[in-house]
Amino acid sequence: MVAVGTELLASGRIDRNTPLLKERLSQLGVAVRFSAVVPDERSIMEETLRAALGRCRYVLVCGGLGPTTDDLTRFAAASVLGVRLVEDATSLASIETRFRDRGIEMPDVNRRQALIPEGTAALPNPAGTAPGVLARTGTGSWLVLLPGPPSELAAMFDAEVRPRLETETRRTAGSVRETLMVAGLPESVLQERILDLTPARDAPEDLAILASRGELEIRVTGPAGRAAEVRRLADRMAERLGPAVFSRTAGEHLEHAVGRMLERRGERAAFAESLTGGLITERLTRVPGSSAWFDLGVVAYANEAKRDLLAVPEEALAVHGAVSEPVALAMAEGARRRSGNAWGVAVTGIAGPGGGSAEKPVGLVWVAVRGPVSRARRFRLPGDRSLVRQLTATAALDLLRQSMLAAGDAGH
């Protein structure tokens, strides 16, 4: 993985493409062995591409395919491949059409985007002007050039690169993998519960545990010829962990599991968010078809908003404060009543870095659920403001999931 762009090396700028592609590659069972961020300097780009091709079978490059003079990825790739750049007629026609459809005359500089290394395949860009490139080297490695804007990169990867990789990895794969997605357990507790099931050094299976925003992913991998043993080990771990396992599908997150459970029950949930500021509902509405089970989210930061929008009693706010069990339960009930849904979920807390006290420190969070089963949980979450908010969103989704299980949903 090579992310191109001098701006990515500046303070405050984040490379969003590498995590996006890592997620998609993990679903294919493709491990990332090398990752770099390079400036818009051709010599450094060429040096990095040669190093990556020397180490890895697949090299994915993100960015540097625009029309300006600092977009040098295609030039560096052609140099590394030892070929010249040629104009791809199909790509040029697509770029011209895109400008024409917008009622704009195409600047001549955009012709640069139709240049691809000779002997390579141009990848159409359904969301932008810059075509991608797929090159196969003489040693069998792949060099894939993808555009920098995440929306363009994701669309191109899913439409053009992923199907090719799926075909390639099925042909060359020598292993199988089982996945368990887990929530509600610290990583140390999870490891302790399955410690005696951990594969021995010389066992055919291999175990990896990955943590992300409060969710844990267990990967059990082994040779393709030992698929039954890999499956049995994963089944034993799932039995040991019980309802903490919310999915056996790689890359499926809590929002997918919660949505599936709500849809199966024929119910909806409404959410009231304070410190997360809409983060929970953003995760829910990422799921296609979420309108079937989600219809209302309220962001109520100020006490007045909690009172006016969610009918939180003034007395509860005055006596217990906004970050408290009574207020969290009242917020959840307010969301449930306002929507007429079966479930109401609420979060309130102190994300930091300021605002804490000895009695209510930074990271203190209350999560509440009201519905067929009602409950509230107190959390003391670690990390900076961003991490506390992410962990709170995960805790809220998991408490709703656990509440539905307690209400009689046996599937998970």
Protein backbone atom coordinates (compact mmCIF):
# COMPACT_ATOMS: atom_id res chain seq x y z
CA MET A 1 0.00 0.00 0.00
CA VAL A 2 1.53 3.28 -1.11
CA ALA A 3 -0.35 6.53 -0.41
CA VAL A 4 0.87 9.44 -2.52
CA GLY A 5 0.63 13.09 -1.54
CA THR A 6 2.88 15.64 0.11
CA GLU A 7 -0.18 16.90 2.00
CA LEU A 8 -0.49 13.53 3.77
CA LEU A 9 2.84 14.18 5.48
CA ALA A 10 1.63 17.52 6.87
CA SER A 11 0.31 17.86 10.40
CA GLY A 12 -3.40 17.26 10.70
CA ARG A 13 -3.87 15.52 7.34
CA ILE A 14 -5.04 11.91 7.48
CA ASP A 15 -4.53 9.13 4.94
CA ARG A 16 -8.07 7.73 4.64
CA ASN A 17 -7.41 5.37 1.75
CA THR A 18 -5.02 2.92 3.39
CA PRO A 19 -7.48 1.94 6.19
CA LEU A 20 -10.29 1.73 3.62
CA LEU A 21 -8.34 -0.67 1.43
CA LYS A 22 -6.98 -2.69 4.36
CA GLU A 23 -10.57 -3.41 5.40
CA ARG A 24 -11.49 -4.61 1.92
CA LEU A 25 -8.31 -6.65 1.50
CA SER A 26 -8.78 -8.39 4.86
CA GLN A 27 -12.14 -9.65 3.62
CA LEU A 28 -10.29 -11.33 0.74
CA GLY A 29 -7.71 -12.86 3.05
CA VAL A 30 -4.95 -10.64 1.59
CA ALA A 31 -2.45 -9.53 4.23
CA VAL A 32 -0.79 -6.11 4.08
CA ARG A 33 2.99 -6.53 4.48
CA PHE A 34 4.24 -3.08 3.49
CA SER A 35 2.70 0.38 3.80
CA ALA A 36 4.16 3.80 3.02
CA VAL A 37 3.18 7.43 2.57
CA VAL A 38 5.32 9.31 0.03
CA PRO A 39 5.45 12.95 -1.12
CA ASP A 40 4.84 14.14 -4.67
CA GLU A 41 8.49 13.61 -5.54
CA ARG A 42 9.15 11.28 -8.44
CA SER A 43 12.47 9.89 -7.23
CA ILE A 44 11.04 8.91 -3.84
CA MET A 45 7.95 7.43 -5.50
CA GLU A 46 10.04 5.30 -7.85
CA GLU A 47 12.30 4.10 -5.04
CA THR A 48 9.26 3.15 -2.92
CA LEU A 49 7.47 1.35 -5.77
CA ARG A 50 10.57 -0.72 -6.54
CA ALA A 51 10.90 -1.67 -2.88
CA ALA A 52 7.22 -2.60 -2.63
CA LEU A 53 7.29 -4.70 -5.81
CA GLY A 54 10.36 -6.47 -4.48
CA ARG A 55 8.50 -7.51 -1.31
CA CYS A 56 4.86 -8.02 -2.27
CA ARG A 57 2.76 -9.75 -4.87
CA TYR A 58 0.21 -6.92 -5.04
CA VAL A 59 1.11 -3.23 -4.82
CA LEU A 60 -1.74 -0.72 -4.57
CA VAL A 61 -0.95 2.96 -5.05
CA CYS A 62 -3.44 5.64 -4.00
CA GLY A 63 -3.38 9.16 -5.41
CA GLY A 64 -1.31 11.28 -7.78
CA LEU A 65 -3.46 10.62 -10.87
CA GLY A 66 -4.85 14.14 -11.24
CA PRO A 67 -4.19 16.53 -14.16
CA THR A 68 -1.72 18.93 -12.48
CA THR A 69 2.05 18.97 -12.67
CA ASP A 70 2.49 17.52 -9.17
CA ASP A 71 0.45 14.40 -10.09
CA LEU A 72 3.37 12.14 -10.90
CA THR A 73 2.19 8.61 -10.08
CA ARG A 74 1.68 7.51 -13.70
CA PHE A 75 5.14 8.83 -14.63
CA ALA A 76 6.84 7.06 -11.73
CA ALA A 77 5.01 3.81 -12.51
CA ALA A 78 6.01 3.91 -16.19
CA SER A 79 9.64 4.45 -15.20
CA VAL A 80 9.60 1.54 -12.74
CA LEU A 81 7.95 -0.72 -15.33
CA GLY A 82 10.46 0.39 -17.96
CA VAL A 83 7.86 1.54 -20.50
CA ARG A 84 6.62 4.82 -21.97
CA LEU A 85 3.31 6.52 -21.36
CA VAL A 86 0.68 6.29 -24.08
CA GLU A 87 -2.71 7.95 -24.45
CA ASP A 88 -5.63 5.60 -23.87
CA ALA A 89 -8.39 6.53 -26.30
CA THR A 90 -11.21 5.03 -24.22
CA SER A 91 -10.11 6.90 -21.10
CA LEU A 92 -9.80 10.17 -23.01
CA ALA A 93 -13.31 9.77 -24.45
CA SER A 94 -14.67 9.09 -20.95
CA ILE A 95 -13.00 12.22 -19.56
CA GLU A 96 -14.30 14.35 -22.42
CA THR A 97 -17.82 12.97 -21.91
CA ARG A 98 -17.71 13.73 -18.21
CA PHE A 99 -16.85 17.37 -18.86
CA ARG A 100 -19.40 17.65 -21.67
CA ASP A 101 -22.16 16.28 -19.42
CA ARG A 102 -21.35 19.03 -16.94
CA GLY A 103 -21.53 21.66 -19.65
CA ILE A 104 -17.82 22.50 -19.30
CA GLU A 105 -15.17 22.48 -22.02
CA MET A 106 -12.41 20.08 -21.03
CA PRO A 107 -9.13 21.87 -20.25
CA ASP A 108 -6.27 20.52 -22.33
CA VAL A 109 -4.37 19.66 -19.14
CA ASN A 110 -6.90 16.89 -18.42
CA ARG A 111 -5.52 14.90 -21.38
CA ARG A 112 -2.68 13.96 -19.00
CA GLN A 113 -5.16 11.80 -17.11
CA ALA A 114 -5.63 9.57 -20.15
CA LEU A 115 -1.93 8.64 -20.15
CA ILE A 116 -1.18 5.10 -18.95
CA PRO A 117 2.00 2.99 -19.01
CA GLU A 118 2.25 1.09 -22.28
CA GLY A 119 1.03 -2.49 -22.06
CA THR A 120 -1.12 -1.93 -18.97
CA ALA A 121 -4.91 -1.94 -18.57
CA ALA A 122 -6.86 1.26 -17.88
CA LEU A 123 -9.47 0.93 -15.12
CA PRO A 124 -12.61 3.02 -15.68
CA ASN A 125 -13.49 5.58 -13.02
CA PRO A 126 -17.27 5.70 -12.48
CA ALA A 127 -17.00 8.55 -9.95
CA GLY A 128 -14.32 10.84 -11.42
CA THR A 129 -12.09 11.69 -14.35
CA ALA A 130 -8.83 9.89 -13.52
CA PRO A 131 -8.69 6.30 -14.83
CA GLY A 132 -6.83 3.74 -12.79
CA VAL A 133 -4.17 1.37 -14.05
CA LEU A 134 -3.54 -2.34 -13.63
CA ALA A 135 -0.08 -3.59 -14.58
CA ARG A 136 1.32 -7.10 -14.28
CA THR A 137 5.09 -7.32 -14.03
CA GLY A 138 7.29 -9.99 -15.54
CA THR A 139 7.64 -11.62 -12.12
CA GLY A 140 3.89 -11.96 -11.66
CA SER A 141 3.39 -9.01 -9.31
CA TRP A 142 0.54 -6.54 -9.72
CA LEU A 143 0.92 -2.77 -9.70
CA VAL A 144 -2.46 -1.07 -9.32
CA LEU A 145 -2.84 2.72 -9.53
CA LEU A 146 -5.99 4.12 -7.90
CA PRO A 147 -7.29 7.72 -7.63
CA GLY A 148 -6.86 9.67 -4.41
CA PRO A 149 -10.42 10.81 -3.56
CA PRO A 150 -11.80 8.06 -1.27
CA SER A 151 -15.17 7.90 -3.03
CA GLU A 152 -13.49 7.39 -6.42
CA LEU A 153 -11.00 4.90 -5.00
CA ALA A 154 -13.68 2.82 -3.26
CA ALA A 155 -15.89 2.70 -6.36
CA MET A 156 -13.01 1.68 -8.62
CA PHE A 157 -11.66 -0.92 -6.21
CA ASP A 158 -15.06 -2.55 -5.73
CA ALA A 159 -15.94 -2.56 -9.45
CA GLU A 160 -12.60 -3.27 -11.08
CA VAL A 161 -9.94 -4.49 -8.66
CA ARG A 162 -11.80 -6.62 -6.15
CA PRO A 163 -13.31 -9.05 -8.71
CA ARG A 164 -9.87 -9.62 -10.23
CA LEU A 165 -8.30 -10.15 -6.82
CA GLU A 166 -11.06 -12.55 -5.79
CA THR A 167 -10.38 -14.65 -8.89
CA GLU A 168 -6.62 -14.49 -8.32
CA THR A 169 -6.73 -15.32 -4.60
CA ARG A 170 -9.11 -18.24 -5.16
CA ARG A 171 -6.65 -19.65 -7.66
CA THR A 172 -3.56 -19.17 -5.49
CA ALA A 173 -5.03 -19.47 -2.00
CA GLY A 174 -3.63 -22.20 0.15
CA SER A 175 -5.55 -21.37 3.29
CA VAL A 176 -9.04 -20.99 4.75
CA ARG A 177 -10.25 -18.60 7.43
CA GLU A 178 -13.06 -18.51 9.97
CA THR A 179 -14.03 -15.21 11.59
CA LEU A 180 -15.75 -14.35 14.87
CA MET A 181 -16.85 -10.76 15.54
CA VAL A 182 -17.06 -10.02 19.27
CA ALA A 183 -18.34 -7.13 21.37
CA GLY A 184 -18.71 -6.35 25.06
CA LEU A 185 -15.44 -7.96 26.18
CA PRO A 186 -12.02 -6.39 26.77
CA GLU A 187 -9.33 -8.06 24.69
CA SER A 188 -7.59 -9.44 27.79
CA VAL A 189 -10.81 -11.07 29.03
CA LEU A 190 -11.45 -12.59 25.61
CA GLN A 191 -7.94 -14.05 25.45
CA GLU A 192 -8.30 -15.49 28.93
CA ARG A 193 -11.56 -17.23 28.00
CA ILE A 194 -10.12 -18.92 24.94
CA LEU A 195 -6.53 -19.32 26.12
CA ASP A 196 -6.72 -23.10 26.38
CA LEU A 197 -8.11 -23.25 22.84
CA THR A 198 -5.26 -21.24 21.36
CA PRO A 199 -3.46 -23.27 18.66
CA ALA A 200 -0.09 -24.70 19.59
CA ARG A 201 2.98 -23.49 17.71
CA ASP A 202 2.97 -26.57 15.43
CA ALA A 203 -0.82 -26.77 15.02
CA PRO A 204 -2.38 -26.42 11.55
CA GLU A 205 -4.39 -23.40 12.67
CA ASP A 206 -3.21 -19.85 13.30
CA LEU A 207 -4.99 -17.31 15.52
CA ALA A 208 -5.12 -13.52 15.28
CA ILE A 209 -7.17 -11.06 17.36
CA LEU A 210 -7.74 -7.55 16.00
CA ALA A 211 -9.31 -4.72 18.01
CA SER A 212 -11.10 -1.73 16.49
CA ARG A 213 -13.40 0.88 18.11
CA GLY A 214 -14.56 -1.52 20.83
CA GLU A 215 -15.12 -4.53 18.57
CA LEU A 216 -12.83 -7.56 18.41
CA GLU A 217 -12.26 -9.73 15.35
CA ILE A 218 -10.92 -13.25 15.85
CA ARG A 219 -9.38 -14.84 12.78
CA VAL A 220 -8.67 -18.56 12.72
CA THR A 221 -6.63 -19.49 9.66
CA GLY A 222 -5.27 -22.81 8.44
CA PRO A 223 -4.34 -24.80 5.31
CA ALA A 224 -7.17 -25.32 2.84
CA GLY A 225 -6.87 -29.07 3.33
CA ARG A 226 -7.63 -28.68 7.06
CA ALA A 227 -10.79 -26.60 6.65
CA ALA A 228 -12.83 -28.88 8.93
CA GLU A 229 -10.34 -28.47 11.78
CA VAL A 230 -10.28 -24.70 11.37
CA ARG A 231 -14.09 -24.67 11.47
CA ARG A 232 -14.21 -26.86 14.59
CA LEU A 233 -11.78 -24.61 16.45
CA ALA A 234 -13.81 -21.51 15.54
CA ASP A 235 -17.01 -23.26 16.63
CA ARG A 236 -15.47 -24.12 20.01
CA MET A 237 -14.40 -20.51 20.50
CA ALA A 238 -17.88 -19.28 19.58
CA GLU A 239 -19.42 -21.69 22.09
CA ARG A 240 -17.02 -20.51 24.78
CA LEU A 241 -17.70 -16.81 24.12
CA GLY A 242 -21.48 -17.21 23.83
CA PRO A 243 -23.55 -14.11 23.08
CA ALA A 244 -20.46 -11.91 22.95
CA VAL A 245 -20.09 -13.22 19.37
CA PHE A 246 -22.39 -11.12 17.21
CA SER A 247 -21.34 -12.30 13.76
CA ARG A 248 -19.36 -14.98 11.92
CA THR A 249 -18.91 -12.77 8.84
CA ALA A 250 -15.63 -10.91 8.29
CA GLY A 251 -16.02 -7.16 8.19
CA GLU A 252 -19.54 -7.15 9.62
CA HIS A 253 -19.92 -4.63 12.43
CA LEU A 254 -22.39 -4.16 15.27
CA GLU A 255 -24.61 -1.85 13.26
CA HIS A 256 -25.22 -4.67 10.78
CA ALA A 257 -26.01 -7.16 13.53
CA VAL A 258 -28.34 -4.74 15.34
CA GLY A 259 -30.16 -3.90 12.12
CA ARG A 260 -30.60 -7.56 11.27
CA MET A 261 -32.04 -8.30 14.71
CA LEU A 262 -34.45 -5.36 14.61
CA GLU A 263 -35.66 -6.33 11.15
CA ARG A 264 -36.16 -9.94 12.19
CA ARG A 265 -38.19 -8.80 15.19
CA GLY A 266 -40.21 -6.34 13.11
CA GLU A 267 -39.19 -3.48 15.44
CA ARG A 268 -37.49 -0.09 15.23
CA ALA A 269 -35.13 1.80 17.49
CA ALA A 270 -34.67 5.52 18.14
CA PHE A 271 -31.49 7.08 19.52
CA ALA A 272 -30.76 10.08 21.74
CA GLU A 273 -27.13 11.17 21.64
CA SER A 274 -25.27 13.68 23.74
CA LEU A 275 -21.49 13.23 23.69
CA THR A 276 -21.48 11.19 20.44
CA GLY A 277 -23.19 13.98 18.51
CA GLY A 278 -24.85 11.75 15.88
CA LEU A 279 -22.03 9.22 15.56
CA ILE A 280 -24.30 6.27 16.40
CA THR A 281 -26.95 7.20 13.87
CA GLU A 282 -24.25 7.80 11.26
CA ARG A 283 -23.04 4.23 11.76
CA LEU A 284 -26.59 2.89 11.51
CA THR A 285 -27.44 4.73 8.32
CA ARG A 286 -24.28 3.42 6.67
CA VAL A 287 -26.09 0.08 6.46
CA PRO A 288 -28.13 -0.32 3.25
CA GLY A 289 -31.83 -0.70 4.02
CA SER A 290 -31.55 0.86 7.48
CA SER A 291 -34.81 2.76 6.93
CA ALA A 292 -36.60 -0.52 7.67
CA TRP A 293 -35.57 -0.40 11.33
CA PHE A 294 -34.27 3.12 12.06
CA ASP A 295 -36.25 6.34 11.75
CA LEU A 296 -35.24 8.83 14.45
CA GLY A 297 -32.06 10.17 15.98
CA VAL A 298 -31.90 13.16 18.32
CA VAL A 299 -28.68 15.02 19.15
CA ALA A 300 -29.33 16.78 22.45
CA TYR A 301 -26.18 18.36 23.85
CA ALA A 302 -27.58 21.13 26.02
CA ASN A 303 -29.74 20.44 29.06
CA GLU A 304 -32.47 22.58 27.49
CA ALA A 305 -32.47 20.30 24.43
CA LYS A 306 -32.67 17.22 26.64
CA ARG A 307 -35.64 18.78 28.41
CA ASP A 308 -37.49 20.18 25.38
CA LEU A 309 -36.83 17.41 22.82
CA LEU A 310 -36.70 14.34 25.06
CA ALA A 311 -38.84 15.36 28.03
CA VAL A 312 -36.01 14.79 30.52
CA PRO A 313 -37.33 16.09 33.89
CA GLU A 314 -35.75 19.28 35.20
CA GLU A 315 -35.46 17.61 38.60
CA ALA A 316 -33.33 14.77 37.20
CA LEU A 317 -30.96 17.25 35.56
CA ALA A 318 -30.75 19.41 38.68
CA VAL A 319 -30.30 16.62 41.21
CA HIS A 320 -28.22 14.08 39.28
CA GLY A 321 -26.65 16.10 36.47
CA ALA A 322 -26.67 15.41 32.73
CA VAL A 323 -24.16 12.56 33.07
CA SER A 324 -26.12 10.16 35.24
CA GLU A 325 -28.22 7.01 35.12
CA PRO A 326 -31.59 8.77 35.65
CA VAL A 327 -30.93 11.21 32.83
CA ALA A 328 -29.69 8.50 30.44
CA LEU A 329 -32.84 6.44 31.12
CA ALA A 330 -35.05 9.51 30.68
CA MET A 331 -33.35 10.33 27.37
CA ALA A 332 -33.88 6.77 26.12
CA GLU A 333 -37.52 6.87 27.16
CA GLY A 334 -37.94 10.26 25.51
CA ALA A 335 -36.55 8.95 22.21
CA ARG A 336 -38.78 5.88 22.42
CA ARG A 337 -41.93 7.88 23.14
CA ARG A 338 -41.19 10.58 20.58
CA SER A 339 -40.75 7.99 17.82
CA GLY A 340 -43.35 5.48 18.94
CA ASN A 341 -40.73 2.76 18.46
CA ALA A 342 -40.22 -0.39 20.49
CA TRP A 343 -36.72 0.65 21.62
CA GLY A 344 -35.07 3.85 22.78
CA VAL A 345 -31.31 4.12 23.28
CA ALA A 346 -29.40 7.02 24.84
CA VAL A 347 -25.85 8.03 25.66
CA THR A 348 -24.54 10.82 27.87
CA GLY A 349 -21.02 11.35 29.18
CA ILE A 350 -17.82 13.36 29.31
CA ALA A 351 -15.62 12.89 26.23
CA GLY A 352 -12.92 15.34 27.32
CA PRO A 353 -10.32 16.62 27.28
CA GLY A 354 -11.90 19.03 29.75
CA GLY A 355 -15.13 19.04 31.71
CA GLY A 356 -14.30 16.24 34.13
CA SER A 357 -14.19 16.25 37.91
CA ALA A 358 -13.21 13.92 40.73
CA GLU A 359 -16.78 12.67 40.95
CA LYS A 360 -17.36 12.55 37.20
CA PRO A 361 -14.02 12.13 35.41
CA VAL A 362 -13.31 12.35 31.70
CA GLY A 363 -14.37 9.10 30.06
CA LEU A 364 -17.40 8.58 32.32
CA VAL A 365 -20.32 7.47 30.15
CA TRP A 366 -23.86 6.27 30.82
CA VAL A 367 -25.66 4.18 28.19
CA ALA A 368 -29.35 3.35 28.59
CA VAL A 369 -31.96 1.28 26.75
CA ARG A 370 -35.71 1.49 27.25
CA GLY A 371 -38.10 -1.03 25.70
CA PRO A 372 -39.30 -4.60 26.26
CA VAL A 373 -36.13 -4.86 28.36
CA SER A 374 -34.74 -1.74 30.04
CA ARG A 375 -31.26 -1.32 31.45
CA ALA A 376 -28.48 1.19 31.99
CA ARG A 377 -24.73 0.72 32.21
CA ARG A 378 -21.95 2.91 33.51
CA PHE A 379 -18.62 2.93 31.62
CA ARG A 380 -15.25 4.52 32.31
CA LEU A 381 -13.73 4.61 28.84
CA PRO A 382 -10.04 5.25 28.03
CA GLY A 383 -8.45 7.39 25.36
CA ASP A 384 -8.83 10.81 23.82
CA ARG A 385 -12.08 12.51 22.84
CA SER A 386 -12.34 10.69 19.52
CA LEU A 387 -11.78 7.25 21.03
CA VAL A 388 -14.23 7.83 23.90
CA ARG A 389 -16.92 8.78 21.39
CA GLN A 390 -16.20 5.74 19.19
CA LEU A 391 -16.24 3.36 22.16
CA THR A 392 -19.48 4.92 23.43
CA ALA A 393 -21.18 4.33 20.08
CA THR A 394 -20.10 0.69 20.15
CA ALA A 395 -21.25 0.28 23.76
CA ALA A 396 -24.69 1.69 22.90
CA LEU A 397 -25.17 -0.63 19.93
CA ASP A 398 -24.04 -3.62 21.97
CA LEU A 399 -26.31 -2.80 24.91
CA LEU A 400 -29.26 -2.66 22.50
CA ARG A 401 -28.19 -6.01 21.02
CA GLN A 402 -27.89 -7.58 24.48
CA SER A 403 -31.29 -6.17 25.45
CA MET A 404 -32.92 -7.71 22.40
CA LEU A 405 -31.28 -11.04 23.22
CA ALA A 406 -32.66 -10.79 26.76
CA ALA A 407 -36.09 -9.98 25.32
CA GLY A 408 -36.14 -13.26 23.46
CA ASP A 409 -34.14 -12.93 20.24
CA ALA A 410 -32.11 -16.12 20.28
CA GLY A 411 -30.33 -15.45 16.96
CA HIS A 412 -27.13 -13.44 16.79
